[in-house]
Amino acid sequence: MPGDEVVLAPSFNATRAISIGAPPEGIYPWLVQMGVSRAGWYSYDLLDNLGRPSAEVILPAYQSIQIGDVVPMSPDGKQGMRVLGFEQDRWLLWWDNKGDSTWVWAIHATEDGTSRLVSRVRLKYRWLSPSILFSLLVEFFDIAMMRRAMLGIKQRAETAPKS
């Protein structure tokens, strides 16, 4: 997947996938606008979006991305991963700007007009760094949070008005 070459020997590598009854162009806008202080994470808002509800609509203000843009993960919206690469309606890759972690979202169209959304998180632990606490939290809570986020994206993409 895009970005696998960034974290070569991950300590944590998790790939999750879900089928969504929408084409890639109906899913990608939900991914582009993700982040704290933006559309949220479509997961457990109390835990990962500071109690603010995640967006239920596409927010035009957050639909333009560029390489290097911050995907906000802090309350002030200034800290987080950065966009490392993307191909509209196909994939979106974030990284930590050091090569210790990546998070990619890939959308694969199927013949029946639905899609398969795949997310992969890769982390390389730095055992003597304060970031190890965050890394361990990701490992223990990834499955529950990612499952909920993917179900949230699925629900939104499948019920969004068709343009």
C-alpha atoms as a PDB file:
ATOM      1  CA  MET A   1       0.000   0.000   0.000  1.00  0.00           C
ATOM      2  CA  PRO A   2       1.149   3.591  -0.419  1.00  0.00           C
ATOM      3  CA  GLY A   3       3.532   4.504   2.383  1.00  0.00           C
ATOM      4  CA  ASP A   4       4.672   0.993   3.285  1.00  0.00           C
ATOM      5  CA  GLU A   5       8.173   2.038   2.226  1.00  0.00           C
ATOM      6  CA  VAL A   6       8.260   4.843   4.834  1.00  0.00           C
ATOM      7  CA  VAL A   7       8.162   2.693   7.987  1.00  0.00           C
ATOM      8  CA  LEU A   8      10.267  -0.279   6.953  1.00  0.00           C
ATOM      9  CA  ALA A   9      10.283  -2.329  10.166  1.00  0.00           C
ATOM     10  CA  PRO A  10       7.134  -1.343  12.071  1.00  0.00           C
ATOM     11  CA  SER A  11       6.625  -2.367  15.684  1.00  0.00           C
ATOM     12  CA  PHE A  12       2.880  -2.098  15.078  1.00  0.00           C
ATOM     13  CA  ASN A  13       1.191  -2.752  11.738  1.00  0.00           C
ATOM     14  CA  ALA A  14      -2.614  -2.896  11.536  1.00  0.00           C
ATOM     15  CA  THR A  15      -4.681  -3.178   8.377  1.00  0.00           C
ATOM     16  CA  ARG A  16      -8.465  -2.799   8.581  1.00  0.00           C
ATOM     17  CA  ALA A  17     -11.071  -2.874   5.803  1.00  0.00           C
ATOM     18  CA  ILE A  18     -14.786  -2.418   5.241  1.00  0.00           C
ATOM     19  CA  SER A  19     -17.136  -2.674   2.270  1.00  0.00           C
ATOM     20  CA  ILE A  20     -19.103   0.489   1.541  1.00  0.00           C
ATOM     21  CA  GLY A  21     -22.125   0.810  -0.727  1.00  0.00           C
ATOM     22  CA  ALA A  22     -20.772   3.905  -2.470  1.00  0.00           C
ATOM     23  CA  PRO A  23     -18.249   4.615  -5.229  1.00  0.00           C
ATOM     24  CA  PRO A  24     -14.786   5.976  -4.323  1.00  0.00           C
ATOM     25  CA  GLU A  25     -15.806   9.573  -5.112  1.00  0.00           C
ATOM     26  CA  GLY A  26     -18.536   9.241  -2.482  1.00  0.00           C
ATOM     27  CA  ILE A  27     -16.033   8.147   0.177  1.00  0.00           C
ATOM     28  CA  TYR A  28     -12.901  10.214  -0.470  1.00  0.00           C
ATOM     29  CA  PRO A  29     -14.403  13.601   0.616  1.00  0.00           C
ATOM     30  CA  TRP A  30     -15.113  12.145   4.067  1.00  0.00           C
ATOM     31  CA  LEU A  31     -11.447  11.179   4.439  1.00  0.00           C
ATOM     32  CA  VAL A  32     -10.036  14.504   3.252  1.00  0.00           C
ATOM     33  CA  GLN A  33     -11.897  16.489   5.910  1.00  0.00           C
ATOM     34  CA  MET A  34     -10.925  14.299   8.895  1.00  0.00           C
ATOM     35  CA  GLY A  35      -9.208  15.690  11.976  1.00  0.00           C
ATOM     36  CA  VAL A  36      -9.760  17.412  15.297  1.00  0.00           C
ATOM     37  CA  SER A  37     -11.011  20.979  14.710  1.00  0.00           C
ATOM     38  CA  ARG A  38     -12.207  19.850  11.282  1.00  0.00           C
ATOM     39  CA  ALA A  39     -14.873  17.190  10.559  1.00  0.00           C
ATOM     40  CA  GLY A  40     -13.762  14.900  13.395  1.00  0.00           C
ATOM     41  CA  TRP A  41     -12.898  11.218  13.188  1.00  0.00           C
ATOM     42  CA  TYR A  42     -16.399   9.692  12.842  1.00  0.00           C
ATOM     43  CA  SER A  43     -15.582   7.536  15.851  1.00  0.00           C
ATOM     44  CA  TYR A  44     -16.199   8.042  19.566  1.00  0.00           C
ATOM     45  CA  ASP A  45     -16.430  11.828  19.594  1.00  0.00           C
ATOM     46  CA  LEU A  46     -16.063  12.132  23.356  1.00  0.00           C
ATOM     47  CA  LEU A  47     -12.674  10.431  23.157  1.00  0.00           C
ATOM     48  CA  ASP A  48     -11.186  11.571  19.886  1.00  0.00           C
ATOM     49  CA  ASN A  49     -12.942  14.791  18.940  1.00  0.00           C
ATOM     50  CA  LEU A  50     -13.017  16.640  22.262  1.00  0.00           C
ATOM     51  CA  GLY A  51     -16.740  15.938  22.637  1.00  0.00           C
ATOM     52  CA  ARG A  52     -17.688  17.718  19.406  1.00  0.00           C
ATOM     53  CA  PRO A  53     -19.895  15.668  17.089  1.00  0.00           C
ATOM     54  CA  SER A  54     -18.224  14.553  13.885  1.00  0.00           C
ATOM     55  CA  ALA A  55     -19.610  16.138  10.730  1.00  0.00           C
ATOM     56  CA  GLU A  56     -22.617  14.531   9.081  1.00  0.00           C
ATOM     57  CA  VAL A  57     -22.111  16.418   5.810  1.00  0.00           C
ATOM     58  CA  ILE A  58     -19.252  17.165   3.450  1.00  0.00           C
ATOM     59  CA  LEU A  59     -17.623  20.445   4.531  1.00  0.00           C
ATOM     60  CA  PRO A  60     -16.407  22.356   1.450  1.00  0.00           C
ATOM     61  CA  ALA A  61     -13.895  24.357   3.510  1.00  0.00           C
ATOM     62  CA  TYR A  62     -11.903  21.160   4.167  1.00  0.00           C
ATOM     63  CA  GLN A  63     -11.942  19.575   0.726  1.00  0.00           C
ATOM     64  CA  SER A  64      -8.685  21.016  -0.595  1.00  0.00           C
ATOM     65  CA  ILE A  65      -5.499  19.296   0.550  1.00  0.00           C
ATOM     66  CA  GLN A  66      -1.841  19.707  -0.309  1.00  0.00           C
ATOM     67  CA  ILE A  67       1.300  17.746   0.457  1.00  0.00           C
ATOM     68  CA  GLY A  68       2.524  18.895   3.876  1.00  0.00           C
ATOM     69  CA  ASP A  69      -0.889  19.932   5.238  1.00  0.00           C
ATOM     70  CA  VAL A  70      -1.473  19.088   8.893  1.00  0.00           C
ATOM     71  CA  VAL A  71      -4.132  16.506   9.719  1.00  0.00           C
ATOM     72  CA  PRO A  72      -5.011  17.978  13.122  1.00  0.00           C
ATOM     73  CA  MET A  73      -4.830  15.682  16.131  1.00  0.00           C
ATOM     74  CA  SER A  74      -4.499  18.295  18.881  1.00  0.00           C
ATOM     75  CA  PRO A  75      -7.089  20.617  20.442  1.00  0.00           C
ATOM     76  CA  ASP A  76      -5.515  23.679  18.811  1.00  0.00           C
ATOM     77  CA  GLY A  77      -5.527  21.995  15.390  1.00  0.00           C
ATOM     78  CA  LYS A  78      -1.819  22.661  14.895  1.00  0.00           C
ATOM     79  CA  GLN A  79      -0.290  19.300  15.843  1.00  0.00           C
ATOM     80  CA  GLY A  80      -0.812  16.041  14.001  1.00  0.00           C
ATOM     81  CA  MET A  81       0.270  13.996  11.070  1.00  0.00           C
ATOM     82  CA  ARG A  82       1.020  15.550   7.696  1.00  0.00           C
ATOM     83  CA  VAL A  83      -0.204  14.708   4.234  1.00  0.00           C
ATOM     84  CA  LEU A  84       2.619  12.813   2.537  1.00  0.00           C
ATOM     85  CA  GLY A  85       0.751  11.927  -0.649  1.00  0.00           C
ATOM     86  CA  PHE A  86      -2.644  11.308  -2.207  1.00  0.00           C
ATOM     87  CA  GLU A  87      -4.416  10.345  -5.359  1.00  0.00           C
ATOM     88  CA  GLN A  88      -7.921  11.774  -5.405  1.00  0.00           C
ATOM     89  CA  ASP A  89     -10.650   9.170  -4.970  1.00  0.00           C
ATOM     90  CA  ARG A  90      -8.003   6.409  -4.574  1.00  0.00           C
ATOM     91  CA  TRP A  91      -5.771   6.929  -1.541  1.00  0.00           C
ATOM     92  CA  LEU A  92      -4.595   9.374   1.104  1.00  0.00           C
ATOM     93  CA  LEU A  93      -1.335   8.990   3.075  1.00  0.00           C
ATOM     94  CA  TRP A  94      -0.423  10.737   6.327  1.00  0.00           C
ATOM     95  CA  TRP A  95       2.863  10.551   8.211  1.00  0.00           C
ATOM     96  CA  ASP A  96       4.568  11.903  11.318  1.00  0.00           C
ATOM     97  CA  ASN A  97       7.230  13.841   9.372  1.00  0.00           C
ATOM     98  CA  LYS A  98       9.975  11.624  10.868  1.00  0.00           C
ATOM     99  CA  GLY A  99       9.281   8.266   9.288  1.00  0.00           C
ATOM    100  CA  ASP A 100       8.168   6.586  12.512  1.00  0.00           C
ATOM    101  CA  SER A 101       4.491   6.336  11.595  1.00  0.00           C
ATOM    102  CA  THR A 102       2.151   6.350   8.633  1.00  0.00           C
ATOM    103  CA  TRP A 103      -1.587   6.076   8.227  1.00  0.00           C
ATOM    104  CA  VAL A 104      -2.970   5.352   4.780  1.00  0.00           C
ATOM    105  CA  TRP A 105      -6.548   5.176   3.543  1.00  0.00           C
ATOM    106  CA  ALA A 106      -7.101   3.394   0.239  1.00  0.00           C
ATOM    107  CA  ILE A 107     -10.367   3.033  -1.668  1.00  0.00           C
ATOM    108  CA  HIS A 108     -10.777   0.162  -4.102  1.00  0.00           C
ATOM    109  CA  ALA A 109     -13.733   0.279  -6.487  1.00  0.00           C
ATOM    110  CA  THR A 110     -15.545  -2.985  -7.126  1.00  0.00           C
ATOM    111  CA  GLU A 111     -17.407  -4.103 -10.226  1.00  0.00           C
ATOM    112  CA  ASP A 112     -20.820  -3.698  -8.593  1.00  0.00           C
ATOM    113  CA  GLY A 113     -20.363   0.033  -7.892  1.00  0.00           C
ATOM    114  CA  THR A 114     -19.451  -0.392  -4.235  1.00  0.00           C
ATOM    115  CA  SER A 115     -16.013   0.088  -2.719  1.00  0.00           C
ATOM    116  CA  ARG A 116     -13.609  -1.449  -0.278  1.00  0.00           C
ATOM    117  CA  LEU A 117     -12.090   1.051   2.172  1.00  0.00           C
ATOM    118  CA  VAL A 118      -8.757  -0.081   3.618  1.00  0.00           C
ATOM    119  CA  SER A 119      -6.846   1.663   6.399  1.00  0.00           C
ATOM    120  CA  ARG A 120      -3.318   0.774   7.471  1.00  0.00           C
ATOM    121  CA  VAL A 121      -1.437   2.197  10.447  1.00  0.00           C
ATOM    122  CA  ARG A 122       2.289   1.487  10.792  1.00  0.00           C
ATOM    123  CA  LEU A 123       4.304   2.610  13.823  1.00  0.00           C
ATOM    124  CA  LYS A 124       7.935   2.170  14.764  1.00  0.00           C
ATOM    125  CA  TYR A 125       8.306   2.433  18.513  1.00  0.00           C
ATOM    126  CA  ARG A 126      10.991   4.623  20.029  1.00  0.00           C
ATOM    127  CA  TRP A 127      11.172   2.992  23.449  1.00  0.00           C
ATOM    128  CA  LEU A 128      13.099   5.827  25.129  1.00  0.00           C
ATOM    129  CA  SER A 129      10.966   8.632  23.700  1.00  0.00           C
ATOM    130  CA  PRO A 130       7.957  10.229  25.423  1.00  0.00           C
ATOM    131  CA  SER A 131       6.011   9.340  22.253  1.00  0.00           C
ATOM    132  CA  ILE A 132       6.038   5.696  23.357  1.00  0.00           C
ATOM    133  CA  LEU A 133       2.978   6.411  25.497  1.00  0.00           C
ATOM    134  CA  PHE A 134       1.006   7.529  22.453  1.00  0.00           C
ATOM    135  CA  SER A 135       2.274   4.556  20.439  1.00  0.00           C
ATOM    136  CA  LEU A 136       1.131   2.087  23.077  1.00  0.00           C
ATOM    137  CA  LEU A 137      -2.273   3.788  23.317  1.00  0.00           C
ATOM    138  CA  VAL A 138      -2.661   3.434  19.558  1.00  0.00           C
ATOM    139  CA  GLU A 139      -1.823  -0.254  19.738  1.00  0.00           C
ATOM    140  CA  PHE A 140      -4.354  -1.016  22.465  1.00  0.00           C
ATOM    141  CA  PHE A 141      -7.219   1.131  21.214  1.00  0.00           C
ATOM    142  CA  ASP A 142      -6.715   0.983  17.451  1.00  0.00           C
ATOM    143  CA  ILE A 143      -9.136  -1.839  16.785  1.00  0.00           C
ATOM    144  CA  ALA A 144     -12.080  -0.269  18.617  1.00  0.00           C
ATOM    145  CA  MET A 145     -11.483   3.278  17.389  1.00  0.00           C
ATOM    146  CA  MET A 146     -10.726   2.276  13.798  1.00  0.00           C
ATOM    147  CA  ARG A 147     -13.749  -0.004  13.627  1.00  0.00           C
ATOM    148  CA  ARG A 148     -16.012   2.798  14.805  1.00  0.00           C
ATOM    149  CA  ALA A 149     -14.404   5.337  12.440  1.00  0.00           C
ATOM    150  CA  MET A 150     -14.803   3.040   9.446  1.00  0.00           C
ATOM    151  CA  LEU A 151     -18.414   2.314  10.338  1.00  0.00           C
ATOM    152  CA  GLY A 152     -18.953   6.077  10.684  1.00  0.00           C
ATOM    153  CA  ILE A 153     -17.510   6.699   7.213  1.00  0.00           C
ATOM    154  CA  LYS A 154     -19.607   3.856   5.792  1.00  0.00           C
ATOM    155  CA  GLN A 155     -22.822   5.231   7.291  1.00  0.00           C
ATOM    156  CA  ARG A 156     -22.118   8.742   6.022  1.00  0.00           C
ATOM    157  CA  ALA A 157     -21.056   7.687   2.519  1.00  0.00           C
ATOM    158  CA  GLU A 158     -24.040   5.379   2.081  1.00  0.00           C
ATOM    159  CA  THR A 159     -26.611   7.919   3.257  1.00  0.00           C
ATOM    160  CA  ALA A 160     -25.161  11.109   1.733  1.00  0.00           C
ATOM    161  CA  PRO A 161     -27.277  12.709  -0.981  1.00  0.00           C
ATOM    162  CA  LYS A 162     -26.079  11.678  -4.436  1.00  0.00           C
ATOM    163  CA  SER A 163     -24.932  14.597  -6.573  1.00  0.00           C
END
